Amino acid sequence: MPARVTCLQPVAPRDTDAYVVPTKQTLEAFLTVHWLPAMKPPGVRGTTWTEYRRKINSHVVPRLGSVPLQSLGPAQLNAFYADLLAAGRTDGTGGLAPKTVRQIHVIVRKALKDAVRWGHVSRNVADLANPPSQRASAAARRRTMQTWTPAELHGFLEHDPEDRLHYAWVLAATTGMRRSEVLGLRWADVDLGGTRLAVRQRLASVDGRPELSEPKSNSSGRVIDLDERTPRRCAADGHSRASTASLAAPPGTTSTWSCHARTAYGSTRTGSASCSADGSRQPTSAQ
């Protein structure tokens, strides 16, 4: 019996053999006309899209926007990242942090990956570039991070215990919650008797407007144990001020954390949202 011959079909290298119609489209045109509009919510979170747009308009377009998309190469990206590290701050005071430069690289790489999928280019040159590594970014952040001493933190918390956001500062200091998580917290999410709380939503600024959304990631939705002192302070502070008009709560309802959060963003414009007793947002009539 003759030996069986197995024919192996050659596999085309990924992203390199596909034919792409030559165009003079610039990187700016692709990002602003095609990519950013396609990424708009609900494709990504509002805060994520706003950050994409800000970094593209502030850093990518001014330096690389005029480069033809199909001519962009890894060497240009490497020079771009080096320039951002040396003099990338928009106020002209120096370079960006390695972590920020890496975030910009992630945006560029994602955009070029979509450019490949959509037939604008044949390969993703960002995969061949050399942005600051995650390890270098983390090390640089540790070197530049400034934190208060325990005495300084204690002094801050005790300076004005009557401040309407005092218990928000206490939570931020004792739990490590993100600012948006503290601002989005509702009384329904706090179990004072069980000395714990649940992170179920976040409130962040999107184009200058407060916007509620789900936690930043799956692991961000979590239950946090509280120390014994924090629930007592939150209960005493919060319930004693819950009916004050300055917290923007509707008359006759119990103020929620989200109502307090609106004051942190200065949201006093017409058509904004107020908060009901269960923490839901209700539209207010124009003033």
C-alpha atoms as a PDB file:
ATOM      1  CA  MET A   1       0.000   0.000   0.000  1.00  0.00           C
ATOM      2  CA  PRO A   2       1.452   3.329  -0.996  1.00  0.00           C
ATOM      3  CA  ALA A   3       2.247   5.709   1.816  1.00  0.00           C
ATOM      4  CA  ARG A   4      -0.406   8.347   2.464  1.00  0.00           C
ATOM      5  CA  VAL A   5       0.745  11.832   1.555  1.00  0.00           C
ATOM      6  CA  THR A   6      -0.551  14.687   3.654  1.00  0.00           C
ATOM      7  CA  CYS A   7      -0.648  18.010   1.878  1.00  0.00           C
ATOM      8  CA  LEU A   8      -0.037  20.994   4.088  1.00  0.00           C
ATOM      9  CA  GLN A   9      -1.546  24.234   2.889  1.00  0.00           C
ATOM     10  CA  PRO A  10       0.590  27.303   3.474  1.00  0.00           C
ATOM     11  CA  VAL A  11      -0.824  29.733   6.012  1.00  0.00           C
ATOM     12  CA  ALA A  12      -0.615  33.388   5.069  1.00  0.00           C
ATOM     13  CA  PRO A  13       1.048  35.566   7.692  1.00  0.00           C
ATOM     14  CA  ARG A  14      -1.494  37.504   9.659  1.00  0.00           C
ATOM     15  CA  ASP A  15      -2.244  41.057   8.459  1.00  0.00           C
ATOM     16  CA  THR A  16       0.571  41.055   5.866  1.00  0.00           C
ATOM     17  CA  ASP A  17      -0.812  39.550   2.640  1.00  0.00           C
ATOM     18  CA  ALA A  18      -4.191  41.262   2.451  1.00  0.00           C
ATOM     19  CA  TYR A  19      -4.429  43.755  -0.393  1.00  0.00           C
ATOM     20  CA  VAL A  20      -5.406  47.265   0.631  1.00  0.00           C
ATOM     21  CA  VAL A  21      -6.392  49.938  -1.851  1.00  0.00           C
ATOM     22  CA  PRO A  22      -3.801  52.736  -1.657  1.00  0.00           C
ATOM     23  CA  THR A  23      -5.176  56.010  -0.284  1.00  0.00           C
ATOM     24  CA  LYS A  24      -3.801  59.300   1.011  1.00  0.00           C
ATOM     25  CA  GLN A  25      -5.985  59.222   4.119  1.00  0.00           C
ATOM     26  CA  THR A  26      -4.150  60.704   7.094  1.00  0.00           C
ATOM     27  CA  LEU A  27      -4.034  59.281  10.584  1.00  0.00           C
ATOM     28  CA  GLU A  28      -6.075  62.267  11.809  1.00  0.00           C
ATOM     29  CA  ALA A  29      -8.799  61.621   9.242  1.00  0.00           C
ATOM     30  CA  PHE A  30      -9.031  57.947  10.155  1.00  0.00           C
ATOM     31  CA  LEU A  31      -9.158  58.628  13.897  1.00  0.00           C
ATOM     32  CA  THR A  32     -11.612  61.530  13.836  1.00  0.00           C
ATOM     33  CA  VAL A  33     -13.840  60.572  10.909  1.00  0.00           C
ATOM     34  CA  HIS A  34     -13.932  56.784  11.220  1.00  0.00           C
ATOM     35  CA  TRP A  35     -12.626  55.455  14.513  1.00  0.00           C
ATOM     36  CA  LEU A  36     -13.857  57.825  17.220  1.00  0.00           C
ATOM     37  CA  PRO A  37     -17.445  57.939  15.875  1.00  0.00           C
ATOM     38  CA  ALA A  38     -17.471  54.123  15.727  1.00  0.00           C
ATOM     39  CA  MET A  39     -16.318  53.883  19.342  1.00  0.00           C
ATOM     40  CA  LYS A  40     -19.035  56.122  20.780  1.00  0.00           C
ATOM     41  CA  PRO A  41     -21.215  54.743  23.590  1.00  0.00           C
ATOM     42  CA  PRO A  42     -22.700  52.238  23.968  1.00  0.00           C
ATOM     43  CA  GLY A  43     -19.690  50.695  22.239  1.00  0.00           C
ATOM     44  CA  VAL A  44     -17.535  51.827  25.166  1.00  0.00           C
ATOM     45  CA  ARG A  45     -18.287  53.692  28.376  1.00  0.00           C
ATOM     46  CA  GLY A  46     -18.785  57.413  28.110  1.00  0.00           C
ATOM     47  CA  THR A  47     -15.755  58.084  30.298  1.00  0.00           C
ATOM     48  CA  THR A  48     -13.619  55.766  28.160  1.00  0.00           C
ATOM     49  CA  TRP A  49     -14.672  57.433  24.902  1.00  0.00           C
ATOM     50  CA  THR A  50     -14.074  60.897  26.345  1.00  0.00           C
ATOM     51  CA  GLU A  51     -10.571  59.845  27.355  1.00  0.00           C
ATOM     52  CA  TYR A  52      -9.918  58.396  23.881  1.00  0.00           C
ATOM     53  CA  ARG A  53     -10.955  61.676  22.291  1.00  0.00           C
ATOM     54  CA  ARG A  54      -8.966  63.817  24.726  1.00  0.00           C
ATOM     55  CA  LYS A  55      -5.718  61.910  24.286  1.00  0.00           C
ATOM     56  CA  ILE A  56      -6.113  61.729  20.496  1.00  0.00           C
ATOM     57  CA  ASN A  57      -6.837  65.442  20.129  1.00  0.00           C
ATOM     58  CA  SER A  58      -4.214  66.546  22.664  1.00  0.00           C
ATOM     59  CA  HIS A  59      -1.321  64.267  21.749  1.00  0.00           C
ATOM     60  CA  VAL A  60      -1.772  62.087  18.675  1.00  0.00           C
ATOM     61  CA  VAL A  61      -3.230  64.538  16.171  1.00  0.00           C
ATOM     62  CA  PRO A  62      -0.812  67.426  16.832  1.00  0.00           C
ATOM     63  CA  ARG A  63       2.246  65.177  16.323  1.00  0.00           C
ATOM     64  CA  LEU A  64       1.142  62.454  13.902  1.00  0.00           C
ATOM     65  CA  GLY A  65      -2.151  63.647  12.477  1.00  0.00           C
ATOM     66  CA  SER A  66      -0.743  64.684   9.084  1.00  0.00           C
ATOM     67  CA  VAL A  67       1.039  61.355   8.499  1.00  0.00           C
ATOM     68  CA  PRO A  68      -0.656  59.208   5.835  1.00  0.00           C
ATOM     69  CA  LEU A  69      -2.211  56.249   7.627  1.00  0.00           C
ATOM     70  CA  GLN A  70      -0.706  53.717   5.220  1.00  0.00           C
ATOM     71  CA  SER A  71       2.766  55.271   5.598  1.00  0.00           C
ATOM     72  CA  LEU A  72       2.839  55.186   9.386  1.00  0.00           C
ATOM     73  CA  GLY A  73       5.629  52.952  10.697  1.00  0.00           C
ATOM     74  CA  PRO A  74       6.899  51.674  14.037  1.00  0.00           C
ATOM     75  CA  ALA A  75       9.907  54.009  13.956  1.00  0.00           C
ATOM     76  CA  GLN A  76       7.569  57.012  13.816  1.00  0.00           C
ATOM     77  CA  LEU A  77       5.597  55.665  16.754  1.00  0.00           C
ATOM     78  CA  ASN A  78       8.783  55.109  18.765  1.00  0.00           C
ATOM     79  CA  ALA A  79       9.863  58.693  18.071  1.00  0.00           C
ATOM     80  CA  PHE A  80       6.359  59.845  19.025  1.00  0.00           C
ATOM     81  CA  TYR A  81       6.504  58.054  22.381  1.00  0.00           C
ATOM     82  CA  ALA A  82       9.984  59.442  23.070  1.00  0.00           C
ATOM     83  CA  ASP A  83       8.750  62.957  22.339  1.00  0.00           C
ATOM     84  CA  LEU A  84       5.799  62.514  24.704  1.00  0.00           C
ATOM     85  CA  LEU A  85       8.136  61.330  27.464  1.00  0.00           C
ATOM     86  CA  ALA A  86      10.419  64.340  26.932  1.00  0.00           C
ATOM     87  CA  ALA A  87       7.942  67.154  26.231  1.00  0.00           C
ATOM     88  CA  GLY A  88       4.418  65.805  26.021  1.00  0.00           C
ATOM     89  CA  ARG A  89       2.638  67.967  28.581  1.00  0.00           C
ATOM     90  CA  THR A  90       0.162  70.318  26.931  1.00  0.00           C
ATOM     91  CA  ASP A  91       1.122  73.163  29.272  1.00  0.00           C
ATOM     92  CA  GLY A  92       4.742  72.973  28.084  1.00  0.00           C
ATOM     93  CA  THR A  93       6.190  72.070  31.476  1.00  0.00           C
ATOM     94  CA  GLY A  94       7.845  68.774  30.556  1.00  0.00           C
ATOM     95  CA  GLY A  95       7.135  65.195  29.603  1.00  0.00           C
ATOM     96  CA  LEU A  96       4.278  62.832  30.269  1.00  0.00           C
ATOM     97  CA  ALA A  97       4.538  59.979  32.734  1.00  0.00           C
ATOM     98  CA  PRO A  98       5.445  56.579  31.221  1.00  0.00           C
ATOM     99  CA  LYS A  99       2.050  55.245  32.286  1.00  0.00           C
ATOM    100  CA  THR A 100       0.264  57.985  30.333  1.00  0.00           C
ATOM    101  CA  VAL A 101       2.413  57.364  27.255  1.00  0.00           C
ATOM    102  CA  ARG A 102       1.614  53.677  27.455  1.00  0.00           C
ATOM    103  CA  GLN A 103      -2.098  54.487  27.691  1.00  0.00           C
ATOM    104  CA  ILE A 104      -1.779  56.540  24.507  1.00  0.00           C
ATOM    105  CA  HIS A 105      -0.013  53.603  22.848  1.00  0.00           C
ATOM    106  CA  VAL A 106      -2.877  51.311  23.835  1.00  0.00           C
ATOM    107  CA  ILE A 107      -5.346  53.678  22.167  1.00  0.00           C
ATOM    108  CA  VAL A 108      -3.239  53.910  18.990  1.00  0.00           C
ATOM    109  CA  ARG A 109      -2.803  50.128  18.865  1.00  0.00           C
ATOM    110  CA  LYS A 110      -6.540  49.554  19.278  1.00  0.00           C
ATOM    111  CA  ALA A 111      -7.350  52.090  16.563  1.00  0.00           C
ATOM    112  CA  LEU A 112      -4.856  50.550  14.137  1.00  0.00           C
ATOM    113  CA  LYS A 113      -6.163  47.073  14.905  1.00  0.00           C
ATOM    114  CA  ASP A 114      -9.582  48.276  13.782  1.00  0.00           C
ATOM    115  CA  ALA A 115      -7.982  49.928  10.751  1.00  0.00           C
ATOM    116  CA  VAL A 116      -6.684  46.493   9.734  1.00  0.00           C
ATOM    117  CA  ARG A 117     -10.101  44.883  10.253  1.00  0.00           C
ATOM    118  CA  TRP A 118     -11.809  47.589   8.229  1.00  0.00           C
ATOM    119  CA  GLY A 119      -9.374  47.342   5.322  1.00  0.00           C
ATOM    120  CA  HIS A 120      -7.605  50.697   5.720  1.00  0.00           C
ATOM    121  CA  VAL A 121      -4.134  49.187   6.295  1.00  0.00           C
ATOM    122  CA  SER A 122      -2.584  45.738   5.908  1.00  0.00           C
ATOM    123  CA  ARG A 123      -0.848  45.480   9.284  1.00  0.00           C
ATOM    124  CA  ASN A 124      -0.867  47.011  12.743  1.00  0.00           C
ATOM    125  CA  VAL A 125       2.452  48.824  13.034  1.00  0.00           C
ATOM    126  CA  ALA A 126       1.788  49.580  16.718  1.00  0.00           C
ATOM    127  CA  ASP A 127       2.427  45.900  17.438  1.00  0.00           C
ATOM    128  CA  LEU A 128       6.013  46.479  16.266  1.00  0.00           C
ATOM    129  CA  ALA A 129       6.603  49.649  18.285  1.00  0.00           C
ATOM    130  CA  ASN A 130       8.280  49.942  21.684  1.00  0.00           C
ATOM    131  CA  PRO A 131       6.207  51.948  24.170  1.00  0.00           C
ATOM    132  CA  PRO A 132       7.205  52.239  27.833  1.00  0.00           C
ATOM    133  CA  SER A 133       6.794  48.834  29.441  1.00  0.00           C
ATOM    134  CA  GLN A 134       4.225  48.204  32.147  1.00  0.00           C
ATOM    135  CA  ARG A 135       7.027  47.523  34.614  1.00  0.00           C
ATOM    136  CA  ALA A 136       8.759  50.809  33.808  1.00  0.00           C
ATOM    137  CA  SER A 137       5.463  52.655  34.018  1.00  0.00           C
ATOM    138  CA  ALA A 138       4.699  51.185  37.446  1.00  0.00           C
ATOM    139  CA  ALA A 139       8.217  51.929  38.716  1.00  0.00           C
ATOM    140  CA  ALA A 140       8.033  55.541  37.544  1.00  0.00           C
ATOM    141  CA  ARG A 141       4.686  55.981  39.230  1.00  0.00           C
ATOM    142  CA  ARG A 142       6.024  54.645  42.526  1.00  0.00           C
ATOM    143  CA  ARG A 143       8.949  57.071  42.359  1.00  0.00           C
ATOM    144  CA  THR A 144       6.750  60.098  41.758  1.00  0.00           C
ATOM    145  CA  MET A 145       3.756  59.203  43.929  1.00  0.00           C
ATOM    146  CA  GLN A 146       3.268  61.502  46.899  1.00  0.00           C
ATOM    147  CA  THR A 147       1.075  60.442  49.799  1.00  0.00           C
ATOM    148  CA  TRP A 148       0.084  61.982  53.101  1.00  0.00           C
ATOM    149  CA  THR A 149       1.488  60.727  56.355  1.00  0.00           C
ATOM    150  CA  PRO A 150      -0.990  59.286  58.893  1.00  0.00           C
ATOM    151  CA  ALA A 151      -0.738  62.519  60.854  1.00  0.00           C
ATOM    152  CA  GLU A 152      -1.516  64.622  57.780  1.00  0.00           C
ATOM    153  CA  LEU A 153      -4.501  62.465  56.884  1.00  0.00           C
ATOM    154  CA  HIS A 154      -5.810  62.636  60.449  1.00  0.00           C
ATOM    155  CA  GLY A 155      -5.411  66.400  60.427  1.00  0.00           C
ATOM    156  CA  PHE A 156      -7.370  66.683  57.172  1.00  0.00           C
ATOM    157  CA  LEU A 157     -10.237  64.496  58.377  1.00  0.00           C
ATOM    158  CA  GLU A 158     -10.503  66.359  61.682  1.00  0.00           C
ATOM    159  CA  HIS A 159     -10.126  69.842  60.192  1.00  0.00           C
ATOM    160  CA  ASP A 160     -13.782  70.353  59.255  1.00  0.00           C
ATOM    161  CA  PRO A 161     -16.008  67.490  60.417  1.00  0.00           C
ATOM    162  CA  GLU A 162     -19.073  69.563  59.485  1.00  0.00           C
ATOM    163  CA  ASP A 163     -18.206  69.624  55.790  1.00  0.00           C
ATOM    164  CA  ARG A 164     -21.081  68.112  53.802  1.00  0.00           C
ATOM    165  CA  LEU A 165     -18.716  65.626  52.145  1.00  0.00           C
ATOM    166  CA  HIS A 166     -16.818  64.738  55.303  1.00  0.00           C
ATOM    167  CA  TYR A 167     -17.961  61.119  55.380  1.00  0.00           C
ATOM    168  CA  ALA A 168     -17.044  60.763  51.701  1.00  0.00           C
ATOM    169  CA  TRP A 169     -13.471  61.752  52.623  1.00  0.00           C
ATOM    170  CA  VAL A 170     -13.572  59.235  55.492  1.00  0.00           C
ATOM    171  CA  LEU A 171     -14.633  56.447  53.130  1.00  0.00           C
ATOM    172  CA  ALA A 172     -12.023  57.347  50.544  1.00  0.00           C
ATOM    173  CA  ALA A 173      -9.327  57.355  53.230  1.00  0.00           C
ATOM    174  CA  THR A 174     -10.322  54.103  54.912  1.00  0.00           C
ATOM    175  CA  THR A 175     -11.408  51.892  51.999  1.00  0.00           C
ATOM    176  CA  GLY A 176      -9.246  52.810  49.004  1.00  0.00           C
ATOM    177  CA  MET A 177     -12.353  53.248  46.849  1.00  0.00           C
ATOM    178  CA  ARG A 178     -12.023  55.171  43.610  1.00  0.00           C
ATOM    179  CA  ARG A 179     -13.411  58.706  43.621  1.00  0.00           C
ATOM    180  CA  SER A 180     -16.120  57.734  41.131  1.00  0.00           C
ATOM    181  CA  GLU A 181     -17.127  54.788  43.346  1.00  0.00           C
ATOM    182  CA  VAL A 182     -17.466  56.974  46.428  1.00  0.00           C
ATOM    183  CA  LEU A 183     -19.490  59.522  44.485  1.00  0.00           C
ATOM    184  CA  GLY A 184     -21.802  56.846  43.066  1.00  0.00           C
ATOM    185  CA  LEU A 185     -22.474  55.151  46.399  1.00  0.00           C
ATOM    186  CA  ARG A 186     -26.100  55.036  47.591  1.00  0.00           C
ATOM    187  CA  TRP A 187     -27.385  54.544  51.100  1.00  0.00           C
ATOM    188  CA  ALA A 188     -29.014  51.345  49.812  1.00  0.00           C
ATOM    189  CA  ASP A 189     -25.489  50.016  49.139  1.00  0.00           C
ATOM    190  CA  VAL A 190     -24.321  50.615  52.725  1.00  0.00           C
ATOM    191  CA  ASP A 191     -24.920  48.098  55.511  1.00  0.00           C
ATOM    192  CA  LEU A 192     -24.015  50.097  58.588  1.00  0.00           C
ATOM    193  CA  GLY A 193     -25.032  47.316  60.961  1.00  0.00           C
ATOM    194  CA  GLY A 194     -22.940  44.777  59.095  1.00  0.00           C
ATOM    195  CA  THR A 195     -20.053  47.273  58.735  1.00  0.00           C
ATOM    196  CA  ARG A 196     -19.729  46.757  54.992  1.00  0.00           C
ATOM    197  CA  LEU A 197     -20.771  48.317  51.700  1.00  0.00           C
ATOM    198  CA  ALA A 198     -21.232  47.159  48.118  1.00  0.00           C
ATOM    199  CA  VAL A 199     -19.806  48.910  45.078  1.00  0.00           C
ATOM    200  CA  ARG A 200     -22.568  48.646  42.471  1.00  0.00           C
ATOM    201  CA  GLN A 201     -22.197  51.797  40.405  1.00  0.00           C
ATOM    202  CA  ARG A 202     -19.899  54.743  39.778  1.00  0.00           C
ATOM    203  CA  LEU A 203     -20.414  58.386  39.012  1.00  0.00           C
ATOM    204  CA  ALA A 204     -17.923  60.196  36.802  1.00  0.00           C
ATOM    205  CA  SER A 205     -17.741  63.366  34.769  1.00  0.00           C
ATOM    206  CA  VAL A 206     -18.403  62.914  31.028  1.00  0.00           C
ATOM    207  CA  ASP A 207     -17.928  66.134  29.054  1.00  0.00           C
ATOM    208  CA  GLY A 208     -18.519  68.100  32.231  1.00  0.00           C
ATOM    209  CA  ARG A 209     -21.722  66.256  33.167  1.00  0.00           C
ATOM    210  CA  PRO A 210     -22.099  63.685  35.974  1.00  0.00           C
ATOM    211  CA  GLU A 211     -22.982  60.254  34.583  1.00  0.00           C
ATOM    212  CA  LEU A 212     -23.839  57.059  36.446  1.00  0.00           C
ATOM    213  CA  SER A 213     -22.548  53.767  35.084  1.00  0.00           C
ATOM    214  CA  GLU A 214     -21.620  50.260  36.149  1.00  0.00           C
ATOM    215  CA  PRO A 215     -18.317  49.649  37.967  1.00  0.00           C
ATOM    216  CA  LYS A 216     -15.175  50.116  35.888  1.00  0.00           C
ATOM    217  CA  SER A 217     -14.516  46.355  35.593  1.00  0.00           C
ATOM    218  CA  ASN A 218     -15.990  43.064  36.764  1.00  0.00           C
ATOM    219  CA  SER A 219     -13.615  42.978  39.728  1.00  0.00           C
ATOM    220  CA  SER A 220     -14.529  46.554  40.656  1.00  0.00           C
ATOM    221  CA  GLY A 221     -18.022  45.461  41.698  1.00  0.00           C
ATOM    222  CA  ARG A 222     -17.235  44.203  45.164  1.00  0.00           C
ATOM    223  CA  VAL A 223     -18.134  44.168  48.862  1.00  0.00           C
ATOM    224  CA  ILE A 224     -15.846  46.140  51.180  1.00  0.00           C
ATOM    225  CA  ASP A 225     -15.586  45.583  54.907  1.00  0.00           C
ATOM    226  CA  LEU A 226     -15.528  48.740  57.010  1.00  0.00           C
ATOM    227  CA  ASP A 227     -13.742  49.445  60.256  1.00  0.00           C
ATOM    228  CA  GLU A 228     -15.939  50.010  63.310  1.00  0.00           C
ATOM    229  CA  ARG A 229     -15.489  53.772  63.399  1.00  0.00           C
ATOM    230  CA  THR A 230     -16.394  54.576  59.807  1.00  0.00           C
ATOM    231  CA  PRO A 231     -20.040  53.352  59.908  1.00  0.00           C
ATOM    232  CA  ARG A 232     -20.653  55.348  63.087  1.00  0.00           C
ATOM    233  CA  ARG A 233     -19.285  58.518  61.522  1.00  0.00           C
ATOM    234  CA  CYS A 234     -21.144  57.986  58.260  1.00  0.00           C
ATOM    235  CA  ALA A 235     -24.421  57.314  60.060  1.00  0.00           C
ATOM    236  CA  ALA A 236     -24.057  60.312  62.339  1.00  0.00           C
ATOM    237  CA  ASP A 237     -22.981  62.669  59.588  1.00  0.00           C
ATOM    238  CA  GLY A 238     -25.201  61.404  56.806  1.00  0.00           C
ATOM    239  CA  HIS A 239     -28.535  61.051  58.562  1.00  0.00           C
ATOM    240  CA  SER A 240     -28.140  64.336  60.427  1.00  0.00           C
ATOM    241  CA  ARG A 241     -27.796  66.177  57.079  1.00  0.00           C
ATOM    242  CA  ALA A 242     -29.975  64.052  54.843  1.00  0.00           C
ATOM    243  CA  SER A 243     -32.775  66.604  54.635  1.00  0.00           C
ATOM    244  CA  THR A 244     -30.666  69.700  54.021  1.00  0.00           C
ATOM    245  CA  ALA A 245     -31.520  71.600  50.860  1.00  0.00           C
ATOM    246  CA  SER A 246     -27.863  72.084  49.995  1.00  0.00           C
ATOM    247  CA  LEU A 247     -27.616  68.399  49.118  1.00  0.00           C
ATOM    248  CA  ALA A 248     -30.143  68.776  46.304  1.00  0.00           C
ATOM    249  CA  ALA A 249     -32.411  66.023  47.587  1.00  0.00           C
ATOM    250  CA  PRO A 250     -36.114  66.271  46.693  1.00  0.00           C
ATOM    251  CA  PRO A 251     -38.252  67.487  49.614  1.00  0.00           C
ATOM    252  CA  GLY A 252     -39.419  64.720  51.894  1.00  0.00           C
ATOM    253  CA  THR A 253     -36.871  62.129  50.718  1.00  0.00           C
ATOM    254  CA  THR A 254     -33.736  60.705  52.229  1.00  0.00           C
ATOM    255  CA  SER A 255     -30.662  62.076  50.508  1.00  0.00           C
ATOM    256  CA  THR A 256     -28.449  59.573  48.748  1.00  0.00           C
ATOM    257  CA  TRP A 257     -24.713  59.502  48.203  1.00  0.00           C
ATOM    258  CA  SER A 258     -25.294  60.288  44.548  1.00  0.00           C
ATOM    259  CA  CYS A 259     -27.031  63.512  45.534  1.00  0.00           C
ATOM    260  CA  HIS A 260     -24.000  64.528  47.565  1.00  0.00           C
ATOM    261  CA  ALA A 261     -21.818  63.561  44.638  1.00  0.00           C
ATOM    262  CA  ARG A 262     -23.524  66.024  42.327  1.00  0.00           C
ATOM    263  CA  THR A 263     -22.271  68.878  44.469  1.00  0.00           C
ATOM    264  CA  ALA A 264     -18.709  67.604  44.076  1.00  0.00           C
ATOM    265  CA  TYR A 265     -19.006  68.083  40.317  1.00  0.00           C
ATOM    266  CA  GLY A 266     -20.807  71.404  40.650  1.00  0.00           C
ATOM    267  CA  SER A 267     -23.796  70.123  38.694  1.00  0.00           C
ATOM    268  CA  THR A 268     -26.321  72.949  38.995  1.00  0.00           C
ATOM    269  CA  ARG A 269     -27.305  73.263  35.353  1.00  0.00           C
ATOM    270  CA  THR A 270     -30.905  72.963  34.249  1.00  0.00           C
ATOM    271  CA  GLY A 271     -32.123  69.577  33.147  1.00  0.00           C
ATOM    272  CA  SER A 272     -29.725  67.771  35.478  1.00  0.00           C
ATOM    273  CA  ALA A 273     -30.768  64.858  37.646  1.00  0.00           C
ATOM    274  CA  SER A 274     -31.865  64.808  41.241  1.00  0.00           C
ATOM    275  CA  CYS A 275     -31.963  61.711  43.413  1.00  0.00           C
ATOM    276  CA  SER A 276     -34.808  59.794  44.965  1.00  0.00           C
ATOM    277  CA  ALA A 277     -34.826  57.904  48.233  1.00  0.00           C
ATOM    278  CA  ASP A 278     -33.748  54.648  46.619  1.00  0.00           C
ATOM    279  CA  GLY A 279     -30.793  56.247  44.860  1.00  0.00           C
ATOM    280  CA  SER A 280     -32.308  56.388  41.387  1.00  0.00           C
ATOM    281  CA  ARG A 281     -31.849  59.516  39.278  1.00  0.00           C
ATOM    282  CA  GLN A 282     -34.885  61.603  38.421  1.00  0.00           C
ATOM    283  CA  PRO A 283     -34.867  64.401  35.821  1.00  0.00           C
ATOM    284  CA  THR A 284     -35.578  67.849  37.207  1.00  0.00           C
ATOM    285  CA  SER A 285     -37.552  70.460  35.389  1.00  0.00           C
ATOM    286  CA  ALA A 286     -35.761  73.417  33.865  1.00  0.00           C
ATOM    287  CA  GLN A 287     -35.408  76.350  36.215  1.00  0.00           C
END
